[in-house]
Amino acid sequence: MKYIRRASERGQVNMGWLQSNHSFSFGSYYDAKHMGVSVLRVINDDVVKPGQGFGTHGHKDMEIISYVIEGELKHKDSTGNTYVVPAGDVQLMSAGSGIRHSEFNASKSKKVNFLQIWIQPNVNNVKPGYQQTTIEQKEQLTPIVTPKGKEGALSIHQDASIYRLALSSGDTFTLKTEQRMGYLHVVKGGFSVGQQYFSAGDAFAVDAHESTNIEADETVEALWFDLPIID
């Protein structure tokens, strides 16, 4: 475990309508020690007040995933897509050659909490695309985003995958990287890795050929990023 990112040490932005915690450098928050892991460039933990949100803005050549933890997120983009993404759903927008979109809290009375995730693509100028789905947790580690959309996962333009890890209190699980590297971000709950304890918002990176043993102290939900090794 070469890199640990604690929730309390993330970059913080408070705009009144938005409270955001940045795992990596983003916007006005910059830290040369936290620029991303492999092709994973952004994890913003956003809480948006009722009826508020991000006005129409543009993106290009980025794979943008929204993982809704609580509430509902309303999406609208320049290709004609208008959707509401509820908690539990996963959304992936391939910005490609260029797209404009907005994201708002769909509720007028409740907050929305979601992770905004950016992954750099391995091909540029593709036709912009939108995907959204509900993925049933079939095993402790279930794919939600993969290069070819296997097992009902969303399809990404990169040699990278995202898995949802779900554990009950007392469960154990071993993460293996083989000839890859990994990054685990805790969404809910807490667990131990040896003498280290991790809870919501915490994260760590794992080098190639490492095995990481997790012991859940309570119900756990986390995202495991299976990432390529880049020079």
C-alpha atoms as a PDB file:
ATOM      1  CA  MET A   1       0.000   0.000   0.000  1.00  0.00           C
ATOM      2  CA  LYS A   2       2.074   2.907  -1.302  1.00  0.00           C
ATOM      3  CA  TYR A   3      -0.461   5.729  -1.094  1.00  0.00           C
ATOM      4  CA  ILE A   4      -3.149   6.519   1.481  1.00  0.00           C
ATOM      5  CA  ARG A   5      -5.644   9.345   1.030  1.00  0.00           C
ATOM      6  CA  ARG A   6      -7.584  10.217   4.159  1.00  0.00           C
ATOM      7  CA  ALA A   7     -11.045  11.786   3.907  1.00  0.00           C
ATOM      8  CA  SER A   8     -10.134  14.581   6.313  1.00  0.00           C
ATOM      9  CA  GLU A   9      -7.104  15.580   4.231  1.00  0.00           C
ATOM     10  CA  ARG A  10      -8.942  16.028   0.920  1.00  0.00           C
ATOM     11  CA  GLY A  11      -9.272  19.413  -0.719  1.00  0.00           C
ATOM     12  CA  GLN A  12     -12.454  21.147   0.422  1.00  0.00           C
ATOM     13  CA  VAL A  13     -14.667  23.530  -1.508  1.00  0.00           C
ATOM     14  CA  ASN A  14     -17.748  25.184  -0.009  1.00  0.00           C
ATOM     15  CA  MET A  15     -19.806  27.294  -2.415  1.00  0.00           C
ATOM     16  CA  GLY A  16     -22.935  27.449  -0.273  1.00  0.00           C
ATOM     17  CA  TRP A  17     -25.053  25.344  -2.616  1.00  0.00           C
ATOM     18  CA  LEU A  18     -22.171  22.865  -3.039  1.00  0.00           C
ATOM     19  CA  GLN A  19     -19.935  21.134  -0.511  1.00  0.00           C
ATOM     20  CA  SER A  20     -17.220  19.156  -2.278  1.00  0.00           C
ATOM     21  CA  ASN A  21     -14.256  17.093  -1.137  1.00  0.00           C
ATOM     22  CA  HIS A  22     -11.578  16.560  -3.787  1.00  0.00           C
ATOM     23  CA  SER A  23      -9.436  13.435  -3.573  1.00  0.00           C
ATOM     24  CA  PHE A  24      -7.161  14.836  -6.292  1.00  0.00           C
ATOM     25  CA  SER A  25      -6.230  18.285  -7.576  1.00  0.00           C
ATOM     26  CA  PHE A  26      -9.230  19.878  -9.263  1.00  0.00           C
ATOM     27  CA  GLY A  27     -10.281  23.429 -10.090  1.00  0.00           C
ATOM     28  CA  SER A  28      -9.015  25.861  -7.439  1.00  0.00           C
ATOM     29  CA  TYR A  29      -7.591  23.036  -5.331  1.00  0.00           C
ATOM     30  CA  TYR A  30      -4.055  22.038  -6.273  1.00  0.00           C
ATOM     31  CA  ASP A  31      -1.589  19.745  -4.539  1.00  0.00           C
ATOM     32  CA  ALA A  32       1.281  18.275  -6.547  1.00  0.00           C
ATOM     33  CA  LYS A  33       1.258  15.193  -4.305  1.00  0.00           C
ATOM     34  CA  HIS A  34      -2.335  14.389  -5.247  1.00  0.00           C
ATOM     35  CA  MET A  35      -2.738  14.482  -9.027  1.00  0.00           C
ATOM     36  CA  GLY A  36      -4.491  11.145  -9.526  1.00  0.00           C
ATOM     37  CA  VAL A  37      -3.581   7.485  -9.797  1.00  0.00           C
ATOM     38  CA  SER A  38      -2.798   5.966 -13.206  1.00  0.00           C
ATOM     39  CA  VAL A  39      -5.609   7.150 -15.550  1.00  0.00           C
ATOM     40  CA  LEU A  40      -7.900   7.995 -12.615  1.00  0.00           C
ATOM     41  CA  ARG A  41      -7.869  11.784 -12.521  1.00  0.00           C
ATOM     42  CA  VAL A  42     -10.792  12.975 -10.381  1.00  0.00           C
ATOM     43  CA  ILE A  43     -12.917  11.769  -7.472  1.00  0.00           C
ATOM     44  CA  ASN A  44     -15.045  14.612  -6.143  1.00  0.00           C
ATOM     45  CA  ASP A  45     -17.416  13.798  -3.291  1.00  0.00           C
ATOM     46  CA  ASP A  46     -20.188  16.324  -3.979  1.00  0.00           C
ATOM     47  CA  VAL A  47     -23.167  17.277  -1.819  1.00  0.00           C
ATOM     48  CA  VAL A  48     -25.609  19.604  -3.612  1.00  0.00           C
ATOM     49  CA  LYS A  49     -28.458  21.437  -1.894  1.00  0.00           C
ATOM     50  CA  PRO A  50     -32.081  20.953  -3.056  1.00  0.00           C
ATOM     51  CA  GLY A  51     -32.842  22.477  -6.441  1.00  0.00           C
ATOM     52  CA  GLN A  52     -29.231  23.591  -6.964  1.00  0.00           C
ATOM     53  CA  GLY A  53     -26.528  22.312  -9.285  1.00  0.00           C
ATOM     54  CA  PHE A  54     -23.929  22.767 -11.981  1.00  0.00           C
ATOM     55  CA  GLY A  55     -25.102  24.934 -14.883  1.00  0.00           C
ATOM     56  CA  THR A  56     -24.402  24.040 -18.491  1.00  0.00           C
ATOM     57  CA  HIS A  57     -20.672  23.612 -19.131  1.00  0.00           C
ATOM     58  CA  GLY A  58     -18.453  21.724 -21.551  1.00  0.00           C
ATOM     59  CA  HIS A  59     -16.098  18.736 -21.508  1.00  0.00           C
ATOM     60  CA  LYS A  60     -13.864  17.069 -24.080  1.00  0.00           C
ATOM     61  CA  ASP A  61     -11.962  13.765 -24.169  1.00  0.00           C
ATOM     62  CA  MET A  62     -12.828  12.524 -20.697  1.00  0.00           C
ATOM     63  CA  GLU A  63     -14.818   9.570 -19.329  1.00  0.00           C
ATOM     64  CA  ILE A  64     -17.047  11.014 -16.587  1.00  0.00           C
ATOM     65  CA  ILE A  65     -18.810   8.688 -14.152  1.00  0.00           C
ATOM     66  CA  SER A  66     -21.434   9.762 -11.619  1.00  0.00           C
ATOM     67  CA  TYR A  67     -22.062   7.398  -8.717  1.00  0.00           C
ATOM     68  CA  VAL A  68     -25.086   8.565  -6.730  1.00  0.00           C
ATOM     69  CA  ILE A  69     -24.873   7.750  -3.017  1.00  0.00           C
ATOM     70  CA  GLU A  70     -27.984   9.567  -1.770  1.00  0.00           C
ATOM     71  CA  GLY A  71     -30.802  11.440  -3.486  1.00  0.00           C
ATOM     72  CA  GLU A  72     -31.331  11.980  -7.212  1.00  0.00           C
ATOM     73  CA  LEU A  73     -29.204  13.740  -9.832  1.00  0.00           C
ATOM     74  CA  LYS A  74     -30.800  15.347 -12.913  1.00  0.00           C
ATOM     75  CA  HIS A  75     -28.680  15.225 -16.068  1.00  0.00           C
ATOM     76  CA  LYS A  76     -29.206  17.127 -19.330  1.00  0.00           C
ATOM     77  CA  ASP A  77     -26.750  17.338 -22.237  1.00  0.00           C
ATOM     78  CA  SER A  78     -26.289  18.788 -25.710  1.00  0.00           C
ATOM     79  CA  THR A  79     -26.939  15.441 -27.444  1.00  0.00           C
ATOM     80  CA  GLY A  80     -30.537  15.455 -26.227  1.00  0.00           C
ATOM     81  CA  ASN A  81     -30.269  13.258 -23.159  1.00  0.00           C
ATOM     82  CA  THR A  82     -32.353  14.217 -20.125  1.00  0.00           C
ATOM     83  CA  TYR A  83     -32.334  11.727 -17.266  1.00  0.00           C
ATOM     84  CA  VAL A  84     -32.688  11.474 -13.512  1.00  0.00           C
ATOM     85  CA  VAL A  85     -30.058   9.282 -11.845  1.00  0.00           C
ATOM     86  CA  PRO A  86     -31.283   7.856  -8.503  1.00  0.00           C
ATOM     87  CA  ALA A  87     -29.129   6.509  -5.676  1.00  0.00           C
ATOM     88  CA  GLY A  88     -27.774   3.128  -6.674  1.00  0.00           C
ATOM     89  CA  ASP A  89     -27.587   3.927 -10.380  1.00  0.00           C
ATOM     90  CA  VAL A  90     -24.346   4.472 -12.269  1.00  0.00           C
ATOM     91  CA  GLN A  91     -23.998   7.021 -15.065  1.00  0.00           C
ATOM     92  CA  LEU A  92     -21.174   7.296 -17.598  1.00  0.00           C
ATOM     93  CA  MET A  93     -20.755  10.157 -20.059  1.00  0.00           C
ATOM     94  CA  SER A  94     -18.066   9.904 -22.726  1.00  0.00           C
ATOM     95  CA  ALA A  95     -17.260  13.529 -23.540  1.00  0.00           C
ATOM     96  CA  GLY A  96     -15.278  12.571 -26.646  1.00  0.00           C
ATOM     97  CA  SER A  97     -15.141  15.258 -29.330  1.00  0.00           C
ATOM     98  CA  GLY A  98     -17.090  17.628 -27.102  1.00  0.00           C
ATOM     99  CA  ILE A  99     -20.293  17.776 -25.081  1.00  0.00           C
ATOM    100  CA  ARG A 100     -22.113  20.303 -22.914  1.00  0.00           C
ATOM    101  CA  HIS A 101     -24.209  19.260 -19.948  1.00  0.00           C
ATOM    102  CA  SER A 102     -25.740  20.318 -16.648  1.00  0.00           C
ATOM    103  CA  GLU A 103     -26.199  18.428 -13.371  1.00  0.00           C
ATOM    104  CA  PHE A 104     -28.786  19.451 -10.794  1.00  0.00           C
ATOM    105  CA  ASN A 105     -30.276  18.076  -7.623  1.00  0.00           C
ATOM    106  CA  ALA A 106     -33.590  16.666  -8.859  1.00  0.00           C
ATOM    107  CA  SER A 107     -35.234  17.251  -5.466  1.00  0.00           C
ATOM    108  CA  LYS A 108     -36.561  20.517  -4.094  1.00  0.00           C
ATOM    109  CA  SER A 109     -36.384  19.277  -0.503  1.00  0.00           C
ATOM    110  CA  LYS A 110     -33.522  16.763  -0.128  1.00  0.00           C
ATOM    111  CA  LYS A 111     -29.787  16.917  -0.791  1.00  0.00           C
ATOM    112  CA  VAL A 112     -28.017  14.789  -3.377  1.00  0.00           C
ATOM    113  CA  ASN A 113     -24.636  13.213  -2.648  1.00  0.00           C
ATOM    114  CA  PHE A 114     -22.661  11.727  -5.511  1.00  0.00           C
ATOM    115  CA  LEU A 115     -19.127  10.906  -6.562  1.00  0.00           C
ATOM    116  CA  GLN A 116     -17.962  12.633  -9.717  1.00  0.00           C
ATOM    117  CA  ILE A 117     -15.228  10.470 -11.245  1.00  0.00           C
ATOM    118  CA  TRP A 118     -13.029  11.319 -14.218  1.00  0.00           C
ATOM    119  CA  ILE A 119     -10.946   8.757 -16.092  1.00  0.00           C
ATOM    120  CA  GLN A 120      -8.698   9.732 -18.967  1.00  0.00           C
ATOM    121  CA  PRO A 121      -9.651   7.860 -22.175  1.00  0.00           C
ATOM    122  CA  ASN A 122      -7.261   5.878 -24.369  1.00  0.00           C
ATOM    123  CA  VAL A 123      -8.808   7.284 -27.551  1.00  0.00           C
ATOM    124  CA  ASN A 124      -9.740  10.892 -28.338  1.00  0.00           C
ATOM    125  CA  ASN A 125     -12.422  12.585 -30.416  1.00  0.00           C
ATOM    126  CA  VAL A 126     -14.922   9.735 -30.202  1.00  0.00           C
ATOM    127  CA  LYS A 127     -18.607  10.456 -30.655  1.00  0.00           C
ATOM    128  CA  PRO A 128     -20.011  11.660 -27.312  1.00  0.00           C
ATOM    129  CA  GLY A 129     -22.069   9.029 -25.533  1.00  0.00           C
ATOM    130  CA  TYR A 130     -24.301   8.520 -22.498  1.00  0.00           C
ATOM    131  CA  GLN A 131     -24.995   5.391 -20.450  1.00  0.00           C
ATOM    132  CA  GLN A 132     -26.969   4.780 -17.276  1.00  0.00           C
ATOM    133  CA  THR A 133     -28.006   1.606 -15.496  1.00  0.00           C
ATOM    134  CA  THR A 134     -28.887  -0.093 -12.239  1.00  0.00           C
ATOM    135  CA  ILE A 135     -26.439  -2.897 -11.471  1.00  0.00           C
ATOM    136  CA  GLU A 136     -27.447  -5.646  -9.070  1.00  0.00           C
ATOM    137  CA  GLN A 137     -24.751  -6.683  -6.603  1.00  0.00           C
ATOM    138  CA  LYS A 138     -24.203 -10.333  -7.552  1.00  0.00           C
ATOM    139  CA  GLU A 139     -20.961 -10.977  -5.693  1.00  0.00           C
ATOM    140  CA  GLN A 140     -18.859  -9.172  -3.106  1.00  0.00           C
ATOM    141  CA  LEU A 141     -16.969  -7.533  -6.002  1.00  0.00           C
ATOM    142  CA  THR A 142     -19.294  -6.652  -8.888  1.00  0.00           C
ATOM    143  CA  PRO A 143     -18.232  -4.787 -12.071  1.00  0.00           C
ATOM    144  CA  ILE A 144     -20.050  -1.529 -12.766  1.00  0.00           C
ATOM    145  CA  VAL A 145     -17.739  -0.066 -15.473  1.00  0.00           C
ATOM    146  CA  THR A 146     -15.492  -2.112 -17.796  1.00  0.00           C
ATOM    147  CA  PRO A 147     -13.759  -1.676 -21.179  1.00  0.00           C
ATOM    148  CA  LYS A 148     -16.349  -3.775 -23.013  1.00  0.00           C
ATOM    149  CA  GLY A 149     -19.296  -3.539 -20.685  1.00  0.00           C
ATOM    150  CA  LYS A 150     -19.127  -7.176 -19.569  1.00  0.00           C
ATOM    151  CA  GLU A 151     -21.728  -8.624 -17.192  1.00  0.00           C
ATOM    152  CA  GLY A 152     -24.063  -5.686 -17.735  1.00  0.00           C
ATOM    153  CA  ALA A 153     -21.503  -3.047 -16.715  1.00  0.00           C
ATOM    154  CA  LEU A 154     -21.183   0.303 -18.486  1.00  0.00           C
ATOM    155  CA  SER A 155     -18.562   0.468 -21.233  1.00  0.00           C
ATOM    156  CA  ILE A 156     -15.576   2.822 -20.984  1.00  0.00           C
ATOM    157  CA  HIS A 157     -12.979   4.054 -23.497  1.00  0.00           C
ATOM    158  CA  GLN A 158     -10.004   2.950 -21.401  1.00  0.00           C
ATOM    159  CA  ASP A 159      -8.264  -0.196 -20.157  1.00  0.00           C
ATOM    160  CA  ALA A 160      -9.749   0.369 -16.709  1.00  0.00           C
ATOM    161  CA  SER A 161     -12.599  -1.056 -14.674  1.00  0.00           C
ATOM    162  CA  ILE A 162     -14.594  -0.008 -11.632  1.00  0.00           C
ATOM    163  CA  TYR A 163     -16.056  -2.574  -9.249  1.00  0.00           C
ATOM    164  CA  ARG A 164     -18.443  -2.066  -6.354  1.00  0.00           C
ATOM    165  CA  LEU A 165     -17.244  -3.889  -3.237  1.00  0.00           C
ATOM    166  CA  ALA A 166     -20.027  -4.824  -0.804  1.00  0.00           C
ATOM    167  CA  LEU A 167     -19.231  -6.512   2.506  1.00  0.00           C
ATOM    168  CA  SER A 168     -21.209  -7.331   5.626  1.00  0.00           C
ATOM    169  CA  SER A 169     -19.841  -6.959   9.120  1.00  0.00           C
ATOM    170  CA  GLY A 170     -17.320  -9.732   9.760  1.00  0.00           C
ATOM    171  CA  ASP A 171     -16.677 -10.438   6.067  1.00  0.00           C
ATOM    172  CA  THR A 172     -13.154 -10.662   4.716  1.00  0.00           C
ATOM    173  CA  PHE A 173     -11.975 -10.024   1.169  1.00  0.00           C
ATOM    174  CA  THR A 174      -8.619 -10.048  -0.614  1.00  0.00           C
ATOM    175  CA  LEU A 175      -7.882  -7.505  -3.342  1.00  0.00           C
ATOM    176  CA  LYS A 176      -5.327  -8.699  -5.908  1.00  0.00           C
ATOM    177  CA  THR A 177      -3.668  -6.491  -8.519  1.00  0.00           C
ATOM    178  CA  GLU A 178      -1.554  -8.984 -10.541  1.00  0.00           C
ATOM    179  CA  GLN A 179       0.077  -6.971 -13.384  1.00  0.00           C
ATOM    180  CA  ARG A 180      -2.112  -3.944 -12.719  1.00  0.00           C
ATOM    181  CA  MET A 181      -2.497  -1.339 -10.020  1.00  0.00           C
ATOM    182  CA  GLY A 182      -5.544  -0.566  -7.928  1.00  0.00           C
ATOM    183  CA  TYR A 183      -7.260   2.168  -5.967  1.00  0.00           C
ATOM    184  CA  LEU A 184      -9.984   1.627  -3.361  1.00  0.00           C
ATOM    185  CA  HIS A 185     -12.320   4.458  -2.318  1.00  0.00           C
ATOM    186  CA  VAL A 186     -14.620   3.863   0.668  1.00  0.00           C
ATOM    187  CA  VAL A 187     -18.204   5.015   0.123  1.00  0.00           C
ATOM    188  CA  LYS A 188     -19.814   3.752   3.339  1.00  0.00           C
ATOM    189  CA  GLY A 189     -18.824   1.758   6.408  1.00  0.00           C
ATOM    190  CA  GLY A 190     -15.409   0.829   7.742  1.00  0.00           C
ATOM    191  CA  PHE A 191     -12.809  -1.920   7.616  1.00  0.00           C
ATOM    192  CA  SER A 192      -9.288  -2.806   8.667  1.00  0.00           C
ATOM    193  CA  VAL A 193      -6.244  -3.582   6.567  1.00  0.00           C
ATOM    194  CA  GLY A 194      -3.680  -4.862   9.037  1.00  0.00           C
ATOM    195  CA  GLN A 195      -3.210  -2.077  11.598  1.00  0.00           C
ATOM    196  CA  GLN A 196      -4.789   0.577   9.341  1.00  0.00           C
ATOM    197  CA  TYR A 197      -8.476   1.487   9.617  1.00  0.00           C
ATOM    198  CA  PHE A 198     -10.441   2.990   6.721  1.00  0.00           C
ATOM    199  CA  SER A 199     -13.883   4.625   6.759  1.00  0.00           C
ATOM    200  CA  ALA A 200     -16.094   6.643   4.405  1.00  0.00           C
ATOM    201  CA  GLY A 201     -14.078   8.994   2.192  1.00  0.00           C
ATOM    202  CA  ASP A 202     -10.755   7.269   2.875  1.00  0.00           C
ATOM    203  CA  ALA A 203      -8.841   5.610   0.049  1.00  0.00           C
ATOM    204  CA  PHE A 204      -5.594   3.883  -0.805  1.00  0.00           C
ATOM    205  CA  ALA A 205      -3.622   2.764  -3.861  1.00  0.00           C
ATOM    206  CA  VAL A 206      -2.082  -0.668  -4.335  1.00  0.00           C
ATOM    207  CA  ASP A 207       0.944  -1.539  -6.477  1.00  0.00           C
ATOM    208  CA  ALA A 208       1.150  -4.418  -8.938  1.00  0.00           C
ATOM    209  CA  HIS A 209       1.511  -7.962  -7.578  1.00  0.00           C
ATOM    210  CA  GLU A 210       0.107  -7.052  -4.161  1.00  0.00           C
ATOM    211  CA  SER A 211      -2.598  -8.770  -2.119  1.00  0.00           C
ATOM    212  CA  THR A 212      -4.568  -6.640   0.332  1.00  0.00           C
ATOM    213  CA  ASN A 213      -6.661  -8.348   2.999  1.00  0.00           C
ATOM    214  CA  ILE A 214      -9.760  -6.471   4.170  1.00  0.00           C
ATOM    215  CA  GLU A 215     -11.688  -7.244   7.360  1.00  0.00           C
ATOM    216  CA  ALA A 216     -15.059  -5.490   7.559  1.00  0.00           C
ATOM    217  CA  ASP A 217     -16.086  -4.096  10.946  1.00  0.00           C
ATOM    218  CA  GLU A 218     -19.500  -3.067   9.631  1.00  0.00           C
ATOM    219  CA  THR A 219     -21.426  -3.009   6.370  1.00  0.00           C
ATOM    220  CA  VAL A 220     -19.061  -1.709   3.684  1.00  0.00           C
ATOM    221  CA  GLU A 221     -19.606  -0.153   0.268  1.00  0.00           C
ATOM    222  CA  ALA A 222     -16.510   0.837  -1.703  1.00  0.00           C
ATOM    223  CA  LEU A 223     -15.320   1.367  -5.254  1.00  0.00           C
ATOM    224  CA  TRP A 224     -12.341  -0.626  -6.510  1.00  0.00           C
ATOM    225  CA  PHE A 225     -10.531   0.825  -9.535  1.00  0.00           C
ATOM    226  CA  ASP A 226      -8.576  -1.703 -11.595  1.00  0.00           C
ATOM    227  CA  LEU A 227      -6.074   0.458 -13.470  1.00  0.00           C
ATOM    228  CA  PRO A 228      -3.283   0.092 -16.042  1.00  0.00           C
ATOM    229  CA  ILE A 229       0.331   0.761 -15.126  1.00  0.00           C
ATOM    230  CA  ILE A 230       1.438   3.839 -17.033  1.00  0.00           C
ATOM    231  CA  ASP A 231       4.896   5.335 -17.501  1.00  0.00           C
END
